[in-house]
Amino acid sequence: MKRIVLGLLAATAMCVPAFAADIKPALLYDLGGKFDKSFNEAAYNGAEKFKSETGVEYVEFEVSNASQREQALRRFAEDGRNPIVMTGFSWAESLDKVATDFPDTQFAIVDMVVDKPNIRSIVFKEQEGSYIVGLLAGMASETKKVGFVGGMDIPLIRRFGCGYVGGAKAAGATDVIQNMTGDTPAAWNDPTKGGEIAKTQIDQGADVIYAAAGGTGVGVLQAAADAGKLGIGVDSNQNGLQPGKVLTSMLKRVDTAVYGAFMDAKDDKLSGGINDLGLKEGGVDYAVDENNKDLITPEMKEAAEKAKADIIAGTVTVHDYMSDDSCPY
């Protein structure tokens, strides 16, 4: 009898963790580090949620220069990590090579499309969420001049900016001042320069400034708060960085994307192809919490919710700069 019980216990011990052992997740961040209060940190939060719910540990890697990308990806694949999720379009070239060499490994990339059967490409309709926060900016602005500070000058960030212009002008803004931080990856992690750009925009009359610049945006929000103006956060909910001085944050649910990729892999449902996430899919939104609830009037909330419904219904279409590199607003 004792032998039978021990045998059952051994069998149970083998069966219970066996499913968990089949998944060995890895998460690779983009430049700026996992605690950038924005894009990378959202990915980290999604991975942490997965770990807390499932008990499955994951490994992570913070890239510090471009030469590390392929080496890190290849090392994780060789170590049997599966799935391997990476944040940021800059991983695409390395991923294209490594995914070919490891066809049985599942990968996911956020913010870029890499067309291979073992890759889930997760992209967002940033223009839709940016339109909503632009609408709120236009309504909140007393000068009817608002600002936009982008990170690296690439079409993806121009997409944020164009959507923001559309929303702001729909709410009566007469001028949207736009500046990019730089044209290299260093633009994602330069809060000092972000603050300087914000001060320049404030000097030109902007009283609400949206930062879509990763870690650089922390400096933008600080400068706006110091000047008694309003900032708008991005990717993660940044309302708490300057409580009462951040009008809202454009939520880009990178956390949901990472969590979903890990969970789908655990459930043997991680498929390749493109996931394109907008307002309808819950991929983007705007944030209201205890830090900004007094800044969002009932009229502003009503206007934002109506715009969301109209975009989801297709009665309002927000221009996508990535499809047509012009901004008609």
C-alpha atoms as a PDB file:
ATOM      1  CA  MET A   1       0.000   0.000   0.000  1.00  0.00           C
ATOM      2  CA  LYS A   2       2.828   2.348   0.938  1.00  0.00           C
ATOM      3  CA  ARG A   3       4.502   1.608  -2.386  1.00  0.00           C
ATOM      4  CA  ILE A   4       1.275   2.426  -4.282  1.00  0.00           C
ATOM      5  CA  VAL A   5       0.863   5.746  -2.433  1.00  0.00           C
ATOM      6  CA  LEU A   6       4.452   6.705  -3.092  1.00  0.00           C
ATOM      7  CA  GLY A   7       4.016   5.740  -6.718  1.00  0.00           C
ATOM      8  CA  LEU A   8       0.921   7.946  -7.005  1.00  0.00           C
ATOM      9  CA  LEU A   9       2.716  10.829  -5.343  1.00  0.00           C
ATOM     10  CA  ALA A  10       5.629  10.452  -7.720  1.00  0.00           C
ATOM     11  CA  ALA A  11       3.282  10.362 -10.693  1.00  0.00           C
ATOM     12  CA  THR A  12       1.492  13.455  -9.448  1.00  0.00           C
ATOM     13  CA  ALA A  13       4.772  15.241  -8.914  1.00  0.00           C
ATOM     14  CA  MET A  14       5.712  14.446 -12.483  1.00  0.00           C
ATOM     15  CA  CYS A  15       2.362  15.480 -13.958  1.00  0.00           C
ATOM     16  CA  VAL A  16       1.707  18.756 -12.148  1.00  0.00           C
ATOM     17  CA  PRO A  17       4.869  20.645 -13.043  1.00  0.00           C
ATOM     18  CA  ALA A  18       5.246  18.994 -16.428  1.00  0.00           C
ATOM     19  CA  PHE A  19       2.889  21.461 -18.096  1.00  0.00           C
ATOM     20  CA  ALA A  20       4.692  24.418 -16.523  1.00  0.00           C
ATOM     21  CA  ALA A  21       8.017  22.931 -17.579  1.00  0.00           C
ATOM     22  CA  ASP A  22       6.890  23.063 -21.199  1.00  0.00           C
ATOM     23  CA  ILE A  23       6.991  26.858 -21.132  1.00  0.00           C
ATOM     24  CA  LYS A  24      10.184  28.753 -20.350  1.00  0.00           C
ATOM     25  CA  PRO A  25       9.349  32.384 -21.138  1.00  0.00           C
ATOM     26  CA  ALA A  26      11.853  35.106 -21.896  1.00  0.00           C
ATOM     27  CA  LEU A  27      11.302  38.858 -22.207  1.00  0.00           C
ATOM     28  CA  LEU A  28      13.751  41.183 -23.924  1.00  0.00           C
ATOM     29  CA  TYR A  29      13.374  44.937 -23.422  1.00  0.00           C
ATOM     30  CA  ASP A  30      14.267  47.747 -25.763  1.00  0.00           C
ATOM     31  CA  LEU A  31      16.665  50.589 -25.017  1.00  0.00           C
ATOM     32  CA  GLY A  32      15.666  52.716 -22.053  1.00  0.00           C
ATOM     33  CA  GLY A  33      15.494  49.859 -19.553  1.00  0.00           C
ATOM     34  CA  LYS A  34      12.612  48.032 -17.976  1.00  0.00           C
ATOM     35  CA  PHE A  35      11.895  50.783 -15.445  1.00  0.00           C
ATOM     36  CA  ASP A  36      11.424  53.594 -17.980  1.00  0.00           C
ATOM     37  CA  LYS A  37       7.967  54.388 -16.506  1.00  0.00           C
ATOM     38  CA  SER A  38       6.573  53.873 -20.001  1.00  0.00           C
ATOM     39  CA  PHE A  39       6.879  51.311 -22.808  1.00  0.00           C
ATOM     40  CA  ASN A  40       9.326  48.797 -21.330  1.00  0.00           C
ATOM     41  CA  GLU A  41       7.811  49.015 -17.877  1.00  0.00           C
ATOM     42  CA  ALA A  42       4.412  48.149 -19.311  1.00  0.00           C
ATOM     43  CA  ALA A  43       5.951  44.970 -20.765  1.00  0.00           C
ATOM     44  CA  TYR A  44       7.506  44.171 -17.384  1.00  0.00           C
ATOM     45  CA  ASN A  45       4.141  44.626 -15.658  1.00  0.00           C
ATOM     46  CA  GLY A  46       2.509  42.185 -18.074  1.00  0.00           C
ATOM     47  CA  ALA A  47       5.196  39.590 -17.437  1.00  0.00           C
ATOM     48  CA  GLU A  48       4.881  40.066 -13.681  1.00  0.00           C
ATOM     49  CA  LYS A  49       1.116  39.600 -13.871  1.00  0.00           C
ATOM     50  CA  PHE A  50       1.639  36.344 -15.746  1.00  0.00           C
ATOM     51  CA  LYS A  51       4.170  35.149 -13.166  1.00  0.00           C
ATOM     52  CA  SER A  52       1.932  36.007 -10.216  1.00  0.00           C
ATOM     53  CA  GLU A  53      -1.057  34.212 -11.726  1.00  0.00           C
ATOM     54  CA  THR A  54       0.700  31.093 -12.958  1.00  0.00           C
ATOM     55  CA  GLY A  55       3.790  30.740 -10.787  1.00  0.00           C
ATOM     56  CA  VAL A  56       5.856  30.347 -13.960  1.00  0.00           C
ATOM     57  CA  GLU A  57       9.150  32.222 -13.798  1.00  0.00           C
ATOM     58  CA  TYR A  58      10.559  34.103 -16.780  1.00  0.00           C
ATOM     59  CA  VAL A  59      13.997  35.402 -17.651  1.00  0.00           C
ATOM     60  CA  GLU A  60      14.645  38.899 -18.957  1.00  0.00           C
ATOM     61  CA  PHE A  61      17.296  40.937 -20.710  1.00  0.00           C
ATOM     62  CA  GLU A  62      17.852  44.692 -20.963  1.00  0.00           C
ATOM     63  CA  VAL A  63      19.695  45.591 -24.150  1.00  0.00           C
ATOM     64  CA  SER A  64      22.227  48.418 -23.846  1.00  0.00           C
ATOM     65  CA  ASN A  65      23.412  48.566 -27.452  1.00  0.00           C
ATOM     66  CA  ALA A  66      22.256  47.264 -30.816  1.00  0.00           C
ATOM     67  CA  SER A  67      25.072  44.724 -31.163  1.00  0.00           C
ATOM     68  CA  GLN A  68      23.614  42.683 -28.294  1.00  0.00           C
ATOM     69  CA  ARG A  69      20.261  41.984 -29.910  1.00  0.00           C
ATOM     70  CA  GLU A  70      20.979  38.960 -32.092  1.00  0.00           C
ATOM     71  CA  GLN A  71      23.382  37.455 -29.562  1.00  0.00           C
ATOM     72  CA  ALA A  72      20.818  37.674 -26.767  1.00  0.00           C
ATOM     73  CA  LEU A  73      18.000  36.263 -28.897  1.00  0.00           C
ATOM     74  CA  ARG A  74      20.131  33.412 -30.125  1.00  0.00           C
ATOM     75  CA  ARG A  75      21.334  32.577 -26.608  1.00  0.00           C
ATOM     76  CA  PHE A  76      17.791  32.381 -25.248  1.00  0.00           C
ATOM     77  CA  ALA A  77      16.691  30.201 -28.183  1.00  0.00           C
ATOM     78  CA  GLU A  78      19.667  27.872 -27.724  1.00  0.00           C
ATOM     79  CA  ASP A  79      18.815  27.616 -24.022  1.00  0.00           C
ATOM     80  CA  GLY A  80      15.342  26.371 -24.922  1.00  0.00           C
ATOM     81  CA  ARG A  81      13.492  29.514 -23.895  1.00  0.00           C
ATOM     82  CA  ASN A  82       9.989  29.442 -25.337  1.00  0.00           C
ATOM     83  CA  PRO A  83       8.209  31.754 -25.971  1.00  0.00           C
ATOM     84  CA  ILE A  84      10.626  34.635 -26.443  1.00  0.00           C
ATOM     85  CA  VAL A  85       8.926  38.027 -26.427  1.00  0.00           C
ATOM     86  CA  MET A  86      10.654  41.293 -27.305  1.00  0.00           C
ATOM     87  CA  THR A  87       9.548  44.895 -27.100  1.00  0.00           C
ATOM     88  CA  GLY A  88      10.327  47.383 -29.845  1.00  0.00           C
ATOM     89  CA  PHE A  89      10.677  47.523 -33.621  1.00  0.00           C
ATOM     90  CA  SER A  90      14.487  47.510 -33.387  1.00  0.00           C
ATOM     91  CA  TRP A  91      14.474  43.773 -32.633  1.00  0.00           C
ATOM     92  CA  ALA A  92      13.015  42.945 -36.055  1.00  0.00           C
ATOM     93  CA  GLU A  93      16.198  42.348 -38.050  1.00  0.00           C
ATOM     94  CA  SER A  94      17.732  40.052 -35.427  1.00  0.00           C
ATOM     95  CA  LEU A  95      14.434  38.253 -34.901  1.00  0.00           C
ATOM     96  CA  ASP A  96      14.081  37.554 -38.622  1.00  0.00           C
ATOM     97  CA  LYS A  97      17.422  35.709 -38.593  1.00  0.00           C
ATOM     98  CA  VAL A  98      17.015  33.825 -35.333  1.00  0.00           C
ATOM     99  CA  ALA A  99      13.401  32.745 -35.910  1.00  0.00           C
ATOM    100  CA  THR A 100      14.500  31.134 -39.183  1.00  0.00           C
ATOM    101  CA  ASP A 101      17.164  29.117 -37.376  1.00  0.00           C
ATOM    102  CA  PHE A 102      14.759  28.042 -34.604  1.00  0.00           C
ATOM    103  CA  PRO A 103      11.485  27.163 -36.354  1.00  0.00           C
ATOM    104  CA  ASP A 104      10.153  25.257 -33.331  1.00  0.00           C
ATOM    105  CA  THR A 105      10.572  28.218 -30.980  1.00  0.00           C
ATOM    106  CA  GLN A 106       7.694  30.664 -30.631  1.00  0.00           C
ATOM    107  CA  PHE A 107       8.434  34.371 -30.695  1.00  0.00           C
ATOM    108  CA  ALA A 108       6.432  37.558 -30.276  1.00  0.00           C
ATOM    109  CA  ILE A 109       7.479  41.101 -31.112  1.00  0.00           C
ATOM    110  CA  VAL A 110       5.754  44.312 -30.060  1.00  0.00           C
ATOM    111  CA  ASP A 111       5.619  47.267 -32.480  1.00  0.00           C
ATOM    112  CA  MET A 112       6.766  45.549 -35.669  1.00  0.00           C
ATOM    113  CA  VAL A 113       5.563  42.984 -38.185  1.00  0.00           C
ATOM    114  CA  VAL A 114       7.955  40.119 -38.946  1.00  0.00           C
ATOM    115  CA  ASP A 115       6.265  37.658 -41.268  1.00  0.00           C
ATOM    116  CA  LYS A 116       7.134  34.147 -40.180  1.00  0.00           C
ATOM    117  CA  PRO A 117       4.857  31.335 -38.986  1.00  0.00           C
ATOM    118  CA  ASN A 118       6.512  31.137 -35.546  1.00  0.00           C
ATOM    119  CA  ILE A 119       6.245  34.869 -34.837  1.00  0.00           C
ATOM    120  CA  ARG A 120       3.309  36.789 -33.373  1.00  0.00           C
ATOM    121  CA  SER A 121       3.587  40.418 -34.469  1.00  0.00           C
ATOM    122  CA  ILE A 122       1.764  42.757 -32.089  1.00  0.00           C
ATOM    123  CA  VAL A 123       1.069  46.276 -33.311  1.00  0.00           C
ATOM    124  CA  PHE A 124      -1.195  49.028 -32.027  1.00  0.00           C
ATOM    125  CA  LYS A 125      -3.404  51.734 -33.476  1.00  0.00           C
ATOM    126  CA  GLU A 126      -1.588  54.447 -31.547  1.00  0.00           C
ATOM    127  CA  GLN A 127      -3.296  57.105 -33.645  1.00  0.00           C
ATOM    128  CA  GLU A 128      -6.660  56.198 -32.107  1.00  0.00           C
ATOM    129  CA  GLY A 129      -5.565  56.562 -28.498  1.00  0.00           C
ATOM    130  CA  SER A 130      -3.599  59.699 -29.372  1.00  0.00           C
ATOM    131  CA  TYR A 131      -6.701  61.239 -30.959  1.00  0.00           C
ATOM    132  CA  ILE A 132      -8.597  60.785 -27.690  1.00  0.00           C
ATOM    133  CA  VAL A 133      -5.905  62.408 -25.529  1.00  0.00           C
ATOM    134  CA  GLY A 134      -5.569  65.153 -28.140  1.00  0.00           C
ATOM    135  CA  LEU A 135      -9.286  65.817 -27.814  1.00  0.00           C
ATOM    136  CA  LEU A 136      -8.889  66.100 -24.041  1.00  0.00           C
ATOM    137  CA  ALA A 137      -5.848  68.356 -24.473  1.00  0.00           C
ATOM    138  CA  GLY A 138      -7.763  70.694 -26.775  1.00  0.00           C
ATOM    139  CA  MET A 139     -10.649  70.896 -24.337  1.00  0.00           C
ATOM    140  CA  ALA A 140      -8.374  71.505 -21.327  1.00  0.00           C
ATOM    141  CA  SER A 141      -6.154  74.093 -23.021  1.00  0.00           C
ATOM    142  CA  GLU A 142      -6.759  77.717 -22.110  1.00  0.00           C
ATOM    143  CA  THR A 143      -4.412  79.066 -24.798  1.00  0.00           C
ATOM    144  CA  LYS A 144      -5.702  76.651 -27.446  1.00  0.00           C
ATOM    145  CA  LYS A 145      -2.058  75.859 -28.111  1.00  0.00           C
ATOM    146  CA  VAL A 146      -0.852  72.386 -27.190  1.00  0.00           C
ATOM    147  CA  GLY A 147       2.429  70.548 -27.598  1.00  0.00           C
ATOM    148  CA  PHE A 148       3.751  67.163 -28.674  1.00  0.00           C
ATOM    149  CA  VAL A 149       7.212  65.825 -27.822  1.00  0.00           C
ATOM    150  CA  GLY A 150       8.176  62.667 -29.668  1.00  0.00           C
ATOM    151  CA  GLY A 151      11.152  60.435 -29.023  1.00  0.00           C
ATOM    152  CA  MET A 152      13.098  59.081 -31.981  1.00  0.00           C
ATOM    153  CA  ASP A 153      11.907  60.630 -35.241  1.00  0.00           C
ATOM    154  CA  ILE A 154      10.388  57.612 -36.957  1.00  0.00           C
ATOM    155  CA  PRO A 155       7.027  57.000 -38.679  1.00  0.00           C
ATOM    156  CA  LEU A 156       5.684  55.159 -35.619  1.00  0.00           C
ATOM    157  CA  ILE A 157       6.072  58.260 -33.442  1.00  0.00           C
ATOM    158  CA  ARG A 158       4.744  60.489 -36.216  1.00  0.00           C
ATOM    159  CA  ARG A 159       1.637  58.283 -36.021  1.00  0.00           C
ATOM    160  CA  PHE A 160       1.192  59.277 -32.363  1.00  0.00           C
ATOM    161  CA  GLY A 161       1.688  62.928 -33.245  1.00  0.00           C
ATOM    162  CA  CYS A 162      -0.718  62.992 -36.168  1.00  0.00           C
ATOM    163  CA  GLY A 163      -3.520  61.338 -34.205  1.00  0.00           C
ATOM    164  CA  TYR A 164      -2.959  63.837 -31.403  1.00  0.00           C
ATOM    165  CA  VAL A 165      -3.210  66.765 -33.820  1.00  0.00           C
ATOM    166  CA  GLY A 166      -6.497  65.400 -35.148  1.00  0.00           C
ATOM    167  CA  GLY A 167      -8.053  65.146 -31.702  1.00  0.00           C
ATOM    168  CA  ALA A 168      -6.718  68.487 -30.487  1.00  0.00           C
ATOM    169  CA  LYS A 169      -8.003  70.370 -33.525  1.00  0.00           C
ATOM    170  CA  ALA A 170     -11.370  68.632 -33.296  1.00  0.00           C
ATOM    171  CA  ALA A 171     -11.597  70.179 -29.814  1.00  0.00           C
ATOM    172  CA  GLY A 172     -10.716  73.661 -31.014  1.00  0.00           C
ATOM    173  CA  ALA A 173      -6.951  73.823 -30.632  1.00  0.00           C
ATOM    174  CA  THR A 174      -5.522  76.360 -33.076  1.00  0.00           C
ATOM    175  CA  ASP A 175      -1.896  75.257 -32.903  1.00  0.00           C
ATOM    176  CA  VAL A 176      -0.082  71.996 -32.121  1.00  0.00           C
ATOM    177  CA  ILE A 177       3.640  72.536 -31.599  1.00  0.00           C
ATOM    178  CA  GLN A 178       5.589  69.381 -32.452  1.00  0.00           C
ATOM    179  CA  ASN A 179       9.205  68.478 -31.761  1.00  0.00           C
ATOM    180  CA  MET A 180      11.151  65.233 -31.858  1.00  0.00           C
ATOM    181  CA  THR A 181      13.927  64.525 -29.372  1.00  0.00           C
ATOM    182  CA  GLY A 182      16.405  63.032 -31.843  1.00  0.00           C
ATOM    183  CA  ASP A 183      17.050  60.602 -34.670  1.00  0.00           C
ATOM    184  CA  THR A 184      18.954  57.907 -32.773  1.00  0.00           C
ATOM    185  CA  PRO A 185      17.818  55.418 -30.108  1.00  0.00           C
ATOM    186  CA  ALA A 186      19.286  57.727 -27.453  1.00  0.00           C
ATOM    187  CA  ALA A 187      16.160  59.847 -27.965  1.00  0.00           C
ATOM    188  CA  TRP A 188      14.181  57.381 -25.840  1.00  0.00           C
ATOM    189  CA  ASN A 189      16.165  58.050 -22.674  1.00  0.00           C
ATOM    190  CA  ASP A 190      16.993  61.750 -22.429  1.00  0.00           C
ATOM    191  CA  PRO A 191      14.692  63.338 -19.837  1.00  0.00           C
ATOM    192  CA  THR A 192      16.894  66.452 -19.645  1.00  0.00           C
ATOM    193  CA  LYS A 193      16.406  67.193 -23.331  1.00  0.00           C
ATOM    194  CA  GLY A 194      12.718  66.327 -23.030  1.00  0.00           C
ATOM    195  CA  GLY A 195      12.377  68.942 -20.321  1.00  0.00           C
ATOM    196  CA  GLU A 196      14.193  71.541 -22.420  1.00  0.00           C
ATOM    197  CA  ILE A 197      11.899  70.929 -25.396  1.00  0.00           C
ATOM    198  CA  ALA A 198       8.843  71.180 -23.164  1.00  0.00           C
ATOM    199  CA  LYS A 199      10.035  74.536 -21.760  1.00  0.00           C
ATOM    200  CA  THR A 200      10.503  75.845 -25.301  1.00  0.00           C
ATOM    201  CA  GLN A 201       6.986  74.791 -26.237  1.00  0.00           C
ATOM    202  CA  ILE A 202       5.598  76.428 -23.092  1.00  0.00           C
ATOM    203  CA  ASP A 203       7.421  79.642 -24.039  1.00  0.00           C
ATOM    204  CA  GLN A 204       5.562  79.451 -27.363  1.00  0.00           C
ATOM    205  CA  GLY A 205       2.222  79.259 -25.569  1.00  0.00           C
ATOM    206  CA  ALA A 206       1.570  75.524 -25.146  1.00  0.00           C
ATOM    207  CA  ASP A 207      -0.217  74.733 -21.899  1.00  0.00           C
ATOM    208  CA  VAL A 208      -0.811  70.991 -22.440  1.00  0.00           C
ATOM    209  CA  ILE A 209       2.062  68.793 -23.699  1.00  0.00           C
ATOM    210  CA  TYR A 210       1.864  65.145 -24.775  1.00  0.00           C
ATOM    211  CA  ALA A 211       5.064  63.120 -24.535  1.00  0.00           C
ATOM    212  CA  ALA A 212       5.481  60.007 -26.689  1.00  0.00           C
ATOM    213  CA  ALA A 213       9.150  59.525 -25.974  1.00  0.00           C
ATOM    214  CA  GLY A 214       9.734  56.637 -23.578  1.00  0.00           C
ATOM    215  CA  GLY A 215      11.942  57.621 -20.634  1.00  0.00           C
ATOM    216  CA  THR A 216      12.481  61.071 -22.155  1.00  0.00           C
ATOM    217  CA  GLY A 217       8.845  61.821 -21.411  1.00  0.00           C
ATOM    218  CA  VAL A 218       9.528  61.833 -17.672  1.00  0.00           C
ATOM    219  CA  GLY A 219      11.428  65.088 -18.202  1.00  0.00           C
ATOM    220  CA  VAL A 220       8.579  66.518 -20.275  1.00  0.00           C
ATOM    221  CA  LEU A 221       6.034  65.819 -17.536  1.00  0.00           C
ATOM    222  CA  GLN A 222       8.359  67.292 -14.906  1.00  0.00           C
ATOM    223  CA  ALA A 223       8.919  70.494 -16.893  1.00  0.00           C
ATOM    224  CA  ALA A 224       5.209  70.943 -17.544  1.00  0.00           C
ATOM    225  CA  ALA A 225       4.381  70.462 -13.853  1.00  0.00           C
ATOM    226  CA  ASP A 226       7.130  72.866 -12.764  1.00  0.00           C
ATOM    227  CA  ALA A 227       5.695  75.522 -15.088  1.00  0.00           C
ATOM    228  CA  GLY A 228       2.148  75.023 -13.825  1.00  0.00           C
ATOM    229  CA  LYS A 229       1.061  73.430 -17.101  1.00  0.00           C
ATOM    230  CA  LEU A 230      -0.358  70.000 -17.894  1.00  0.00           C
ATOM    231  CA  GLY A 231       1.419  66.989 -19.319  1.00  0.00           C
ATOM    232  CA  ILE A 232       0.031  63.854 -20.965  1.00  0.00           C
ATOM    233  CA  GLY A 233       1.732  60.514 -20.378  1.00  0.00           C
ATOM    234  CA  VAL A 234       2.116  57.573 -22.721  1.00  0.00           C
ATOM    235  CA  ASP A 235       2.111  53.757 -22.833  1.00  0.00           C
ATOM    236  CA  SER A 236       1.892  53.148 -19.064  1.00  0.00           C
ATOM    237  CA  ASN A 237      -0.411  55.133 -16.786  1.00  0.00           C
ATOM    238  CA  GLN A 238       1.893  58.020 -15.880  1.00  0.00           C
ATOM    239  CA  ASN A 239      -0.742  60.089 -14.062  1.00  0.00           C
ATOM    240  CA  GLY A 240       0.954  59.427 -10.741  1.00  0.00           C
ATOM    241  CA  LEU A 241       4.349  60.799 -11.798  1.00  0.00           C
ATOM    242  CA  GLN A 242       3.075  64.357 -11.302  1.00  0.00           C
ATOM    243  CA  PRO A 243      -0.270  63.983  -9.498  1.00  0.00           C
ATOM    244  CA  GLY A 244      -2.746  66.654 -10.481  1.00  0.00           C
ATOM    245  CA  LYS A 245      -0.458  67.892 -13.262  1.00  0.00           C
ATOM    246  CA  VAL A 246      -0.856  65.042 -15.765  1.00  0.00           C
ATOM    247  CA  LEU A 247      -4.114  65.505 -17.638  1.00  0.00           C
ATOM    248  CA  THR A 248      -4.241  61.838 -18.679  1.00  0.00           C
ATOM    249  CA  SER A 249      -2.073  59.105 -20.195  1.00  0.00           C
ATOM    250  CA  MET A 250      -2.501  57.377 -23.525  1.00  0.00           C
ATOM    251  CA  LEU A 251      -2.493  53.746 -22.521  1.00  0.00           C
ATOM    252  CA  LYS A 252      -0.832  51.415 -24.976  1.00  0.00           C
ATOM    253  CA  ARG A 253      -1.454  47.979 -23.547  1.00  0.00           C
ATOM    254  CA  VAL A 254       1.968  46.476 -24.011  1.00  0.00           C
ATOM    255  CA  ASP A 255       1.349  44.795 -20.664  1.00  0.00           C
ATOM    256  CA  THR A 256      -1.689  43.007 -22.079  1.00  0.00           C
ATOM    257  CA  ALA A 257       0.274  42.016 -25.200  1.00  0.00           C
ATOM    258  CA  VAL A 258       3.110  40.424 -23.203  1.00  0.00           C
ATOM    259  CA  TYR A 259       0.757  38.789 -20.720  1.00  0.00           C
ATOM    260  CA  GLY A 260      -1.350  37.418 -23.579  1.00  0.00           C
ATOM    261  CA  ALA A 261       1.649  36.009 -25.447  1.00  0.00           C
ATOM    262  CA  PHE A 262       2.947  34.237 -22.344  1.00  0.00           C
ATOM    263  CA  MET A 263      -0.490  32.949 -21.378  1.00  0.00           C
ATOM    264  CA  ASP A 264      -1.335  31.771 -24.899  1.00  0.00           C
ATOM    265  CA  ALA A 265       1.973  29.902 -25.018  1.00  0.00           C
ATOM    266  CA  LYS A 266       1.169  28.260 -21.696  1.00  0.00           C
ATOM    267  CA  ASP A 267      -2.209  27.200 -23.066  1.00  0.00           C
ATOM    268  CA  ASP A 268      -0.636  26.052 -26.352  1.00  0.00           C
ATOM    269  CA  LYS A 269      -2.513  28.763 -28.269  1.00  0.00           C
ATOM    270  CA  LEU A 270       0.268  31.144 -29.300  1.00  0.00           C
ATOM    271  CA  SER A 271      -0.242  31.591 -33.034  1.00  0.00           C
ATOM    272  CA  GLY A 272       1.768  33.533 -35.585  1.00  0.00           C
ATOM    273  CA  GLY A 273       0.413  36.391 -37.636  1.00  0.00           C
ATOM    274  CA  ILE A 274      -0.502  39.976 -36.831  1.00  0.00           C
ATOM    275  CA  ASN A 275      -2.410  41.238 -33.802  1.00  0.00           C
ATOM    276  CA  ASP A 276      -3.499  44.825 -34.540  1.00  0.00           C
ATOM    277  CA  LEU A 277      -4.895  46.365 -31.373  1.00  0.00           C
ATOM    278  CA  GLY A 278      -6.898  49.588 -31.285  1.00  0.00           C
ATOM    279  CA  LEU A 279      -9.723  51.047 -29.221  1.00  0.00           C
ATOM    280  CA  LYS A 280     -12.092  48.290 -30.290  1.00  0.00           C
ATOM    281  CA  GLU A 281      -9.706  45.560 -29.137  1.00  0.00           C
ATOM    282  CA  GLY A 282      -8.780  47.323 -25.891  1.00  0.00           C
ATOM    283  CA  GLY A 283      -5.236  47.889 -27.138  1.00  0.00           C
ATOM    284  CA  VAL A 284      -5.248  51.647 -26.526  1.00  0.00           C
ATOM    285  CA  ASP A 285      -7.213  53.912 -24.193  1.00  0.00           C
ATOM    286  CA  TYR A 286      -6.917  56.932 -21.916  1.00  0.00           C
ATOM    287  CA  ALA A 287      -6.364  56.791 -18.164  1.00  0.00           C
ATOM    288  CA  VAL A 288      -8.535  58.270 -15.423  1.00  0.00           C
ATOM    289  CA  ASP A 289      -7.647  57.617 -11.786  1.00  0.00           C
ATOM    290  CA  GLU A 290      -7.411  59.388  -8.440  1.00  0.00           C
ATOM    291  CA  ASN A 291      -4.474  61.467  -9.694  1.00  0.00           C
ATOM    292  CA  ASN A 292      -6.323  63.182 -12.557  1.00  0.00           C
ATOM    293  CA  LYS A 293     -10.043  62.718 -11.903  1.00  0.00           C
ATOM    294  CA  ASP A 294     -10.437  66.386 -10.936  1.00  0.00           C
ATOM    295  CA  LEU A 295      -8.848  67.470 -14.237  1.00  0.00           C
ATOM    296  CA  ILE A 296     -11.280  65.532 -16.456  1.00  0.00           C
ATOM    297  CA  THR A 297     -14.622  67.340 -16.361  1.00  0.00           C
ATOM    298  CA  PRO A 298     -17.893  65.505 -17.092  1.00  0.00           C
ATOM    299  CA  GLU A 299     -18.023  67.309 -20.462  1.00  0.00           C
ATOM    300  CA  MET A 300     -14.507  66.125 -21.329  1.00  0.00           C
ATOM    301  CA  LYS A 301     -15.286  62.544 -20.346  1.00  0.00           C
ATOM    302  CA  GLU A 302     -18.499  62.604 -22.370  1.00  0.00           C
ATOM    303  CA  ALA A 303     -16.645  63.928 -25.425  1.00  0.00           C
ATOM    304  CA  ALA A 304     -13.888  61.330 -25.068  1.00  0.00           C
ATOM    305  CA  GLU A 305     -16.343  58.465 -24.706  1.00  0.00           C
ATOM    306  CA  LYS A 306     -18.342  59.662 -27.722  1.00  0.00           C
ATOM    307  CA  ALA A 307     -15.163  59.869 -29.800  1.00  0.00           C
ATOM    308  CA  LYS A 308     -14.181  56.356 -28.694  1.00  0.00           C
ATOM    309  CA  ALA A 309     -17.595  55.016 -29.692  1.00  0.00           C
ATOM    310  CA  ASP A 310     -17.469  56.802 -33.053  1.00  0.00           C
ATOM    311  CA  ILE A 311     -13.987  55.464 -33.839  1.00  0.00           C
ATOM    312  CA  ILE A 312     -14.986  51.938 -32.849  1.00  0.00           C
ATOM    313  CA  ALA A 313     -18.141  52.203 -34.964  1.00  0.00           C
ATOM    314  CA  GLY A 314     -16.166  53.512 -37.920  1.00  0.00           C
ATOM    315  CA  THR A 315     -18.056  56.808 -38.169  1.00  0.00           C
ATOM    316  CA  VAL A 316     -14.825  58.638 -37.299  1.00  0.00           C
ATOM    317  CA  THR A 317     -11.590  57.476 -38.931  1.00  0.00           C
ATOM    318  CA  VAL A 318      -8.297  58.633 -37.481  1.00  0.00           C
ATOM    319  CA  HIS A 319      -5.580  59.124 -40.085  1.00  0.00           C
ATOM    320  CA  ASP A 320      -2.803  56.534 -39.918  1.00  0.00           C
ATOM    321  CA  TYR A 321       0.562  58.136 -40.680  1.00  0.00           C
ATOM    322  CA  MET A 322       2.116  54.691 -41.179  1.00  0.00           C
ATOM    323  CA  SER A 323      -0.186  54.060 -44.126  1.00  0.00           C
ATOM    324  CA  ASP A 324       0.111  57.549 -45.607  1.00  0.00           C
ATOM    325  CA  ASP A 325       3.001  59.707 -44.411  1.00  0.00           C
ATOM    326  CA  SER A 326       1.066  62.918 -44.387  1.00  0.00           C
ATOM    327  CA  CYS A 327      -1.061  64.452 -41.661  1.00  0.00           C
ATOM    328  CA  PRO A 328      -4.221  66.028 -43.079  1.00  0.00           C
ATOM    329  CA  TYR A 329      -5.364  67.809 -39.924  1.00  0.00           C
END
